[in-house]
Amino acid sequence: MNYILFEDETRESLLPFTFTRPVADIRIGILTIREKWEKYLGTKTSTLTEDYLSKKFPLHLDVLNTFINASVLPNPVLVEMLGQLQLNTAIYRGEVLLAYMAEEPAKEKQLSSFKKIECTKDIFQLINTWDIFSKNGIALQDDFDLLTEGRESAPISTTNQLINPENIFLEEGAKVEYSLLNATHGPIYLGKNSEVLEGNLIRGGFALCEKAVVKMGAKIYGPTTIGPYGKVCGEINNSVIFGYSSKGHDGYLGNAVLGEWCNIGADSNNSNLKNNYAQVKLWSYPKERFVPTGLQFCGLMMGDHSKTAINTMFNTGTVIGVNSNIYVPGFPRNFIPSFSWGGASGFSTYLPKKAFEAARVMMARRGVEFDEIEAGILNHVFELTKKYRNF
């Protein structure tokens, strides 16, 4: 069967992260949503997404196709139901379309004529950006169980102090020395060739993905995920950092999500709790205003390729778009559009030519080429977000 991950209206509410990737490639837990589905299904998937993303994430159609809602995470019951799907049949959970089988992508009018099957099991769906960190603990445990079932951890050095070692798993090549790993409140997973340097305090759930590094003297509270090739230090609490991003120095990051190719300068901090303990509001791209999250703790949402200088401070519930560069003293406003340059004293437009020069150098350091496809995506985002740059 050919499996295709499609997007619904949740794509808009997951901006700025979906400016530069399909919903399927958001990381939550240990794996991206796509990687979860491919692990369950035992095969590769393609994506039905925005046209400007399709060169990097192409669609593959076959004679018969099963379309799966990319904002919904897999579970054994749903996977079993997919195996029973027939042509022009759709699976729903209430009003949410979970999957359907068809010869080609179906419009809403076509779907109304499909035979409907109701999924009675609760589903795990990403609806808002803050779900990525607030639901990370559930996803991390699910992924840990999926990846480690029937397997043994690589040996763990005796220089470490372990609490609940049966809940700690190291992949081949993972290293950790002279650190405290406490897996009482969630699993600890160290991916292939990742490394935890000396003197770290880590409380699960925690995932350090392939070739990621925790530098010396970090304090990490779960549930936290560091994506592939990430590099972190300082104090981190309940945050998800996508691949290739760095928070390599002291400073606090809490209840936050960072996209790919981000860099947090030394001694930068984000607030995750308002002084009056009120519920936090976040900028909503579809509604173009700040909306309640229902959360008392909510920190920083930062899109791909955005960066901060040393000693940068962020208010509770700050949203930063793609390819922004934030510096100068003081607290900048809590919605910073894509391609912004500046800080509390004001912003100007960060022109793509300059932004791409920095991206090219940063990516080359990790052995990744900044190519025309990547430039095309970011140029499109620059045009999409012009209306927000009122400076």
Protein backbone atom coordinates (compact mmCIF):
# COMPACT_ATOMS: atom_id res chain seq x y z
CA MET A 1 0.00 0.00 0.00
CA ASN A 2 1.14 3.55 -0.76
CA TYR A 3 0.79 5.82 2.28
CA ILE A 4 0.49 9.62 2.03
CA LEU A 5 0.43 12.02 4.99
CA PHE A 6 -1.99 14.88 4.30
CA GLU A 7 -2.62 18.15 6.14
CA ASP A 8 -5.82 19.69 7.48
CA GLU A 9 -6.54 23.07 9.09
CA THR A 10 -4.12 22.33 11.94
CA ARG A 11 -1.27 23.26 9.60
CA GLU A 12 -2.08 26.96 10.09
CA SER A 13 -2.21 26.69 13.86
CA LEU A 14 1.21 24.99 13.88
CA LEU A 15 2.96 27.95 12.26
CA PRO A 16 5.76 29.11 12.40
CA PHE A 17 7.06 25.52 12.40
CA THR A 18 5.03 24.56 9.32
CA PHE A 19 6.31 27.51 7.29
CA THR A 20 9.35 25.36 6.49
CA ARG A 21 8.14 21.75 6.84
CA PRO A 22 5.01 19.65 6.52
CA VAL A 23 3.11 18.84 9.70
CA ALA A 24 4.43 15.28 9.31
CA ASP A 25 8.00 16.43 9.97
CA ILE A 26 7.36 18.04 13.35
CA ARG A 27 9.32 16.30 16.09
CA ILE A 28 7.52 15.35 19.29
CA GLY A 29 8.73 12.68 21.66
CA ILE A 30 11.81 11.04 20.11
CA LEU A 31 10.68 10.76 16.49
CA THR A 32 8.99 13.04 13.98
CA ILE A 33 5.36 12.24 13.19
CA ARG A 34 6.49 10.83 9.83
CA GLU A 35 9.10 8.61 11.48
CA LYS A 36 6.46 7.28 13.89
CA TRP A 37 4.11 6.33 11.05
CA GLU A 38 6.90 4.74 9.02
CA LYS A 39 7.99 2.71 12.05
CA TYR A 40 4.44 1.43 12.59
CA LEU A 41 3.72 0.82 8.91
CA GLY A 42 7.11 -0.63 8.01
CA THR A 43 7.39 1.47 4.85
CA LYS A 44 8.19 4.97 3.61
CA THR A 45 5.55 7.68 3.26
CA SER A 46 5.20 10.79 1.10
CA THR A 47 3.42 14.08 1.76
CA LEU A 48 0.47 16.07 0.46
CA THR A 49 1.44 19.60 1.49
CA GLU A 50 1.75 23.17 0.22
CA ASP A 51 3.06 23.58 -3.33
CA TYR A 52 6.11 25.59 -2.26
CA LEU A 53 7.22 22.74 0.04
CA SER A 54 6.63 19.96 -2.48
CA LYS A 55 10.08 20.09 -4.13
CA LYS A 56 11.70 19.18 -0.82
CA PHE A 57 8.81 16.95 0.30
CA PRO A 58 7.40 15.43 -2.92
CA LEU A 59 4.09 13.60 -3.27
CA HIS A 60 4.13 10.05 -4.60
CA LEU A 61 0.81 8.76 -5.95
CA ASP A 62 0.17 5.12 -6.81
CA VAL A 63 -2.83 3.32 -8.30
CA LEU A 64 -4.34 3.04 -4.82
CA ASN A 65 -3.40 5.26 -1.89
CA THR A 66 -4.10 5.49 1.81
CA PHE A 67 -4.13 9.11 2.99
CA ILE A 68 -3.36 9.66 6.69
CA ASN A 69 -3.92 12.86 8.68
CA ALA A 70 -0.40 14.09 9.45
CA SER A 71 -1.44 15.83 12.67
CA VAL A 72 -2.55 12.51 14.19
CA LEU A 73 0.03 10.28 15.86
CA PRO A 74 -0.19 6.52 15.23
CA ASN A 75 -1.37 3.88 17.66
CA PRO A 76 -1.85 0.11 17.18
CA VAL A 77 -5.66 0.34 16.90
CA LEU A 78 -5.53 3.01 14.20
CA VAL A 79 -2.84 1.12 12.28
CA GLU A 80 -5.01 -2.01 12.38
CA MET A 81 -7.97 -0.02 11.06
CA LEU A 82 -5.86 1.25 8.16
CA GLY A 83 -5.25 -2.35 7.15
CA GLN A 84 -9.01 -2.84 6.80
CA LEU A 85 -9.65 0.26 4.69
CA GLN A 86 -11.19 -0.18 1.26
CA LEU A 87 -11.47 2.14 -1.73
CA ASN A 88 -13.59 5.25 -1.05
CA THR A 89 -13.75 4.53 2.67
CA ALA A 90 -12.77 6.99 5.42
CA ILE A 91 -11.97 6.73 9.14
CA TYR A 92 -13.20 9.48 11.48
CA ARG A 93 -12.92 10.25 15.16
CA GLY A 94 -15.94 12.47 15.66
CA GLU A 95 -15.49 15.32 13.18
CA VAL A 96 -11.77 14.66 12.65
CA LEU A 97 -10.85 12.88 9.41
CA LEU A 98 -8.13 10.41 10.31
CA ALA A 99 -7.57 8.54 7.04
CA TYR A 100 -9.14 7.48 3.76
CA MET A 101 -8.36 5.28 0.76
CA ALA A 102 -8.69 6.69 -2.73
CA GLU A 103 -7.09 6.78 -6.17
CA GLU A 104 -6.20 10.46 -5.74
CA PRO A 105 -6.51 13.24 -3.14
CA ALA A 106 -10.19 13.75 -2.30
CA LYS A 107 -11.98 17.08 -1.90
CA GLU A 108 -14.45 17.69 0.93
CA LYS A 109 -17.41 17.12 -1.40
CA GLN A 110 -16.01 13.76 -2.51
CA LEU A 111 -15.31 12.70 1.06
CA SER A 112 -18.94 13.23 1.99
CA SER A 113 -19.87 10.33 -0.30
CA PHE A 114 -17.28 7.95 1.17
CA LYS A 115 -18.30 5.14 3.51
CA LYS A 116 -17.50 6.29 7.06
CA ILE A 117 -15.88 4.19 9.79
CA GLU A 118 -15.74 5.54 13.35
CA CYS A 119 -12.58 5.14 15.43
CA THR A 120 -13.66 4.63 19.04
CA LYS A 121 -10.18 4.89 20.55
CA ASP A 122 -8.92 8.28 21.74
CA ILE A 123 -6.47 9.85 19.33
CA PHE A 124 -3.33 11.90 19.92
CA GLN A 125 -3.51 14.93 17.63
CA LEU A 126 -1.29 18.00 17.42
CA ILE A 127 -3.57 21.01 17.16
CA ASN A 128 -1.52 23.95 18.48
CA THR A 129 2.17 24.81 18.76
CA TRP A 130 2.11 24.50 22.53
CA ASP A 131 0.97 20.87 22.21
CA ILE A 132 4.48 20.06 21.04
CA PHE A 133 5.98 20.63 24.50
CA SER A 134 2.89 20.15 26.70
CA LYS A 135 2.21 16.66 25.24
CA ASN A 136 5.85 15.75 24.75
CA GLY A 137 5.94 13.48 27.79
CA ILE A 138 3.21 11.20 26.40
CA ALA A 139 4.85 11.03 22.97
CA LEU A 140 8.28 10.42 24.46
CA GLN A 141 7.08 7.45 26.49
CA ASP A 142 5.24 6.00 23.47
CA ASP A 143 8.33 6.35 21.27
CA PHE A 144 10.60 4.91 23.96
CA ASP A 145 8.39 1.83 24.22
CA LEU A 146 8.23 1.51 20.43
CA LEU A 147 11.97 1.83 19.86
CA THR A 148 13.24 -0.29 22.75
CA GLU A 149 10.75 -3.17 22.80
CA GLY A 150 12.63 -6.47 22.87
CA ARG A 151 16.04 -4.76 22.76
CA GLU A 152 18.86 -4.27 25.23
CA SER A 153 20.55 -0.97 25.92
CA ALA A 154 24.19 -0.47 25.03
CA PRO A 155 26.38 -0.60 28.16
CA ILE A 156 26.24 2.46 30.45
CA SER A 157 29.51 3.60 32.00
CA THR A 158 29.88 2.93 35.73
CA THR A 159 31.07 6.52 36.26
CA ASN A 160 27.40 7.59 36.18
CA GLN A 161 24.81 7.54 38.94
CA LEU A 162 21.59 5.95 37.68
CA ILE A 163 18.10 6.02 39.18
CA ASN A 164 15.68 3.50 37.62
CA PRO A 165 18.29 2.20 35.13
CA GLU A 166 15.71 -0.14 33.56
CA ASN A 167 14.10 3.01 32.14
CA ILE A 168 17.34 4.23 30.53
CA PHE A 169 18.35 3.18 27.00
CA LEU A 170 21.50 3.95 25.02
CA GLU A 171 21.75 3.27 21.29
CA GLU A 172 24.98 2.12 19.67
CA GLY A 173 27.77 4.66 20.06
CA ALA A 174 25.99 6.79 22.69
CA LYS A 175 28.29 8.06 25.45
CA VAL A 176 27.65 9.44 28.94
CA GLU A 177 30.19 9.92 31.73
CA TYR A 178 30.10 11.23 35.33
CA SER A 179 26.47 12.34 35.17
CA LEU A 180 23.29 11.76 37.16
CA LEU A 181 20.45 10.19 35.17
CA ASN A 182 17.10 9.97 36.97
CA ALA A 183 14.47 8.05 35.03
CA THR A 184 11.90 7.94 37.83
CA HIS A 185 9.39 10.24 36.15
CA GLY A 186 10.04 9.32 32.54
CA PRO A 187 12.43 7.37 30.32
CA ILE A 188 15.86 8.55 29.25
CA TYR A 189 16.89 7.76 25.67
CA LEU A 190 20.29 8.52 24.15
CA GLY A 191 20.33 8.13 20.38
CA LYS A 192 23.03 6.69 18.15
CA ASN A 193 26.43 8.40 18.60
CA SER A 194 24.98 11.05 20.92
CA GLU A 195 27.04 12.25 23.87
CA VAL A 196 26.43 13.56 27.38
CA LEU A 197 29.61 15.16 28.67
CA GLU A 198 30.69 15.15 32.31
CA GLY A 199 28.82 16.71 35.21
CA ASN A 200 25.24 16.77 33.93
CA LEU A 201 21.98 16.42 35.89
CA ILE A 202 19.22 14.90 33.76
CA ARG A 203 15.72 14.05 34.94
CA GLY A 204 13.52 12.12 32.51
CA GLY A 205 11.66 11.98 30.33
CA PHE A 206 14.52 12.93 28.12
CA ALA A 207 15.51 12.15 24.55
CA LEU A 208 18.87 13.03 23.02
CA CYS A 209 18.66 12.13 19.34
CA GLU A 210 21.37 10.96 16.96
CA LYS A 211 24.73 12.78 17.25
CA ALA A 212 23.30 15.41 19.61
CA VAL A 213 25.41 16.65 22.53
CA VAL A 214 24.79 17.83 26.09
CA LYS A 215 27.76 19.97 27.12
CA MET A 216 29.18 20.01 30.65
CA GLY A 217 27.17 21.16 33.64
CA ALA A 218 23.64 21.19 32.20
CA LYS A 219 20.49 20.84 34.31
CA ILE A 220 17.69 19.26 32.27
CA TYR A 221 14.15 18.62 33.48
CA GLY A 222 11.80 16.45 31.48
CA PRO A 223 9.95 15.92 29.40
CA THR A 224 12.57 17.37 27.04
CA THR A 225 13.73 16.38 23.54
CA ILE A 226 16.93 17.42 21.78
CA GLY A 227 16.77 16.61 18.06
CA PRO A 228 19.56 15.15 15.89
CA TYR A 229 22.84 17.09 15.85
CA GLY A 230 21.54 19.50 18.50
CA LYS A 231 23.84 20.95 21.14
CA VAL A 232 22.64 22.13 24.56
CA CYS A 233 23.77 23.36 27.95
CA GLY A 234 22.44 25.50 30.81
CA GLU A 235 19.01 24.93 32.34
CA ILE A 236 16.27 23.39 30.18
CA ASN A 237 12.78 22.41 31.27
CA ASN A 238 10.02 20.66 29.26
CA SER A 239 11.24 21.83 25.86
CA VAL A 240 11.51 20.38 22.35
CA ILE A 241 14.45 21.40 20.18
CA PHE A 242 14.29 20.23 16.58
CA GLY A 243 17.41 18.99 14.75
CA TYR A 244 20.60 20.97 14.15
CA SER A 245 19.80 23.72 16.69
CA SER A 246 22.02 24.94 19.51
CA LYS A 247 21.53 26.26 23.02
CA GLY A 248 25.12 25.70 23.88
CA HIS A 249 25.63 27.93 26.94
CA ASP A 250 24.15 28.89 30.31
CA GLY A 251 20.70 30.48 30.41
CA TYR A 252 17.15 29.22 30.91
CA LEU A 253 14.85 27.67 28.30
CA GLY A 254 11.50 26.43 29.57
CA ASN A 255 8.22 25.19 28.09
CA ALA A 256 9.59 26.05 24.68
CA VAL A 257 9.91 24.77 21.11
CA LEU A 258 12.81 25.64 18.80
CA GLY A 259 12.82 24.76 15.10
CA GLU A 260 15.85 23.65 13.08
CA TRP A 261 19.04 25.70 12.60
CA CYS A 262 18.31 27.98 15.57
CA ASN A 263 20.99 29.33 17.88
CA ILE A 264 20.43 30.71 21.39
CA GLY A 265 23.22 33.06 22.54
CA ALA A 266 25.01 32.67 25.86
CA ASP A 267 23.02 33.66 28.97
CA SER A 268 19.79 34.13 27.02
CA ASN A 269 16.63 33.40 29.00
CA ASN A 270 12.93 33.01 28.41
CA SER A 271 10.16 33.56 30.94
CA ASN A 272 7.64 30.73 31.11
CA LEU A 273 5.41 32.08 33.92
CA LYS A 274 3.67 35.45 34.21
CA ASN A 275 4.26 37.47 37.39
CA ASN A 276 0.51 37.38 38.13
CA TYR A 277 0.32 33.62 37.42
CA ALA A 278 -2.32 34.21 34.74
CA GLN A 279 -2.81 31.83 31.83
CA VAL A 280 -0.52 32.58 28.92
CA LYS A 281 -1.68 33.83 25.52
CA LEU A 282 0.25 33.11 22.30
CA TRP A 283 0.17 34.67 18.85
CA SER A 284 -2.11 32.71 16.48
CA TYR A 285 -1.32 32.94 12.78
CA PRO A 286 -4.79 31.82 11.58
CA LYS A 287 -6.58 34.27 13.90
CA GLU A 288 -3.92 36.99 13.65
CA ARG A 289 -4.19 37.83 17.32
CA PHE A 290 -3.12 36.46 20.69
CA VAL A 291 -5.21 33.51 21.91
CA PRO A 292 -5.43 31.74 25.30
CA THR A 293 -3.38 28.56 25.60
CA GLY A 294 -5.04 27.33 28.79
CA LEU A 295 -1.52 26.95 30.19
CA GLN A 296 0.09 28.67 33.15
CA PHE A 297 3.57 27.73 31.90
CA CYS A 298 4.40 28.62 28.30
CA GLY A 299 7.70 30.03 27.06
CA LEU A 300 9.23 30.52 23.62
CA MET A 301 8.20 29.33 20.13
CA MET A 302 11.00 29.94 17.61
CA GLY A 303 10.85 29.15 13.88
CA ASP A 304 13.71 27.72 11.79
CA HIS A 305 16.95 29.67 11.24
CA SER A 306 16.21 32.23 13.99
CA LYS A 307 18.95 33.29 16.37
CA THR A 308 19.62 35.39 19.46
CA ALA A 309 22.67 37.33 20.66
CA ILE A 310 24.11 36.89 24.17
CA ASN A 311 21.96 38.00 27.13
CA THR A 312 18.73 38.10 25.11
CA MET A 313 15.56 38.10 27.23
CA PHE A 314 12.10 36.90 26.18
CA ASN A 315 8.75 37.53 27.83
CA THR A 316 6.34 34.73 28.66
CA GLY A 317 4.64 33.38 25.55
CA THR A 318 6.89 34.79 22.82
CA VAL A 319 6.49 33.64 19.20
CA ILE A 320 9.35 34.21 16.76
CA GLY A 321 9.02 33.49 13.05
CA VAL A 322 11.54 32.11 10.57
CA ASN A 323 15.00 33.60 9.96
CA SER A 324 14.89 36.35 12.60
CA ASN A 325 17.92 37.73 14.41
CA ILE A 326 17.25 39.17 17.88
CA TYR A 327 19.73 41.24 19.87
CA VAL A 328 20.16 44.45 21.99
CA PRO A 329 19.16 44.76 25.70
CA GLY A 330 15.61 44.60 27.02
CA PHE A 331 12.57 42.46 26.31
CA PRO A 332 11.40 42.51 22.66
CA ARG A 333 7.68 42.26 21.93
CA ASN A 334 6.14 38.81 22.19
CA PHE A 335 5.36 38.37 18.51
CA ILE A 336 8.38 38.78 16.23
CA PRO A 337 7.64 38.27 12.52
CA SER A 338 9.80 36.21 10.19
CA PHE A 339 12.87 37.94 8.74
CA SER A 340 13.11 40.49 11.57
CA TRP A 341 16.41 42.06 12.67
CA GLY A 342 16.66 43.90 15.98
CA GLY A 343 15.16 43.76 19.46
CA ALA A 344 13.49 45.80 22.19
CA SER A 345 14.58 49.10 20.63
CA GLY A 346 12.98 48.23 17.30
CA PHE A 347 13.21 46.01 14.23
CA SER A 348 14.12 46.26 10.58
CA THR A 349 13.74 43.71 7.77
CA TYR A 350 16.36 40.97 7.67
CA LEU A 351 16.76 40.70 3.91
CA PRO A 352 16.95 37.17 2.47
CA LYS A 353 20.38 37.71 0.88
CA LYS A 354 21.94 38.45 4.28
CA ALA A 355 19.91 35.77 6.05
CA PHE A 356 20.94 33.15 3.52
CA GLU A 357 24.62 33.98 3.96
CA ALA A 358 24.36 33.10 7.65
CA ALA A 359 22.29 29.97 6.94
CA ARG A 360 24.79 28.76 4.36
CA VAL A 361 27.69 29.04 6.82
CA MET A 362 25.80 27.47 9.73
CA MET A 363 24.58 24.51 7.67
CA ALA A 364 28.01 23.90 6.13
CA ARG A 365 29.44 23.51 9.65
CA ARG A 366 27.16 20.47 10.05
CA GLY A 367 27.92 19.11 6.58
CA VAL A 368 24.57 20.16 5.08
CA GLU A 369 24.28 22.19 1.88
CA PHE A 370 22.09 25.27 1.70
CA ASP A 371 20.71 24.64 -1.78
CA GLU A 372 18.27 26.27 -4.19
CA ILE A 373 15.36 24.26 -2.83
CA GLU A 374 15.98 25.55 0.68
CA ALA A 375 16.41 29.10 -0.63
CA GLY A 376 13.16 28.80 -2.59
CA ILE A 377 11.22 27.76 0.51
CA LEU A 378 12.63 30.62 2.59
CA ASN A 379 12.04 33.18 -0.17
CA HIS A 380 8.42 32.07 -0.27
CA VAL A 381 8.15 32.45 3.51
CA PHE A 382 9.62 35.96 3.19
CA GLU A 383 6.82 36.91 0.79
CA LEU A 384 4.13 35.16 2.85
CA THR A 385 5.07 37.08 6.00
CA LYS A 386 5.53 40.60 4.57
CA LYS A 387 2.24 41.77 6.07
CA TYR A 388 3.54 41.20 9.61
CA ARG A 389 6.67 43.37 9.21
CA ASN A 390 5.21 46.81 9.96
CA PHE A 391 8.55 48.51 10.47
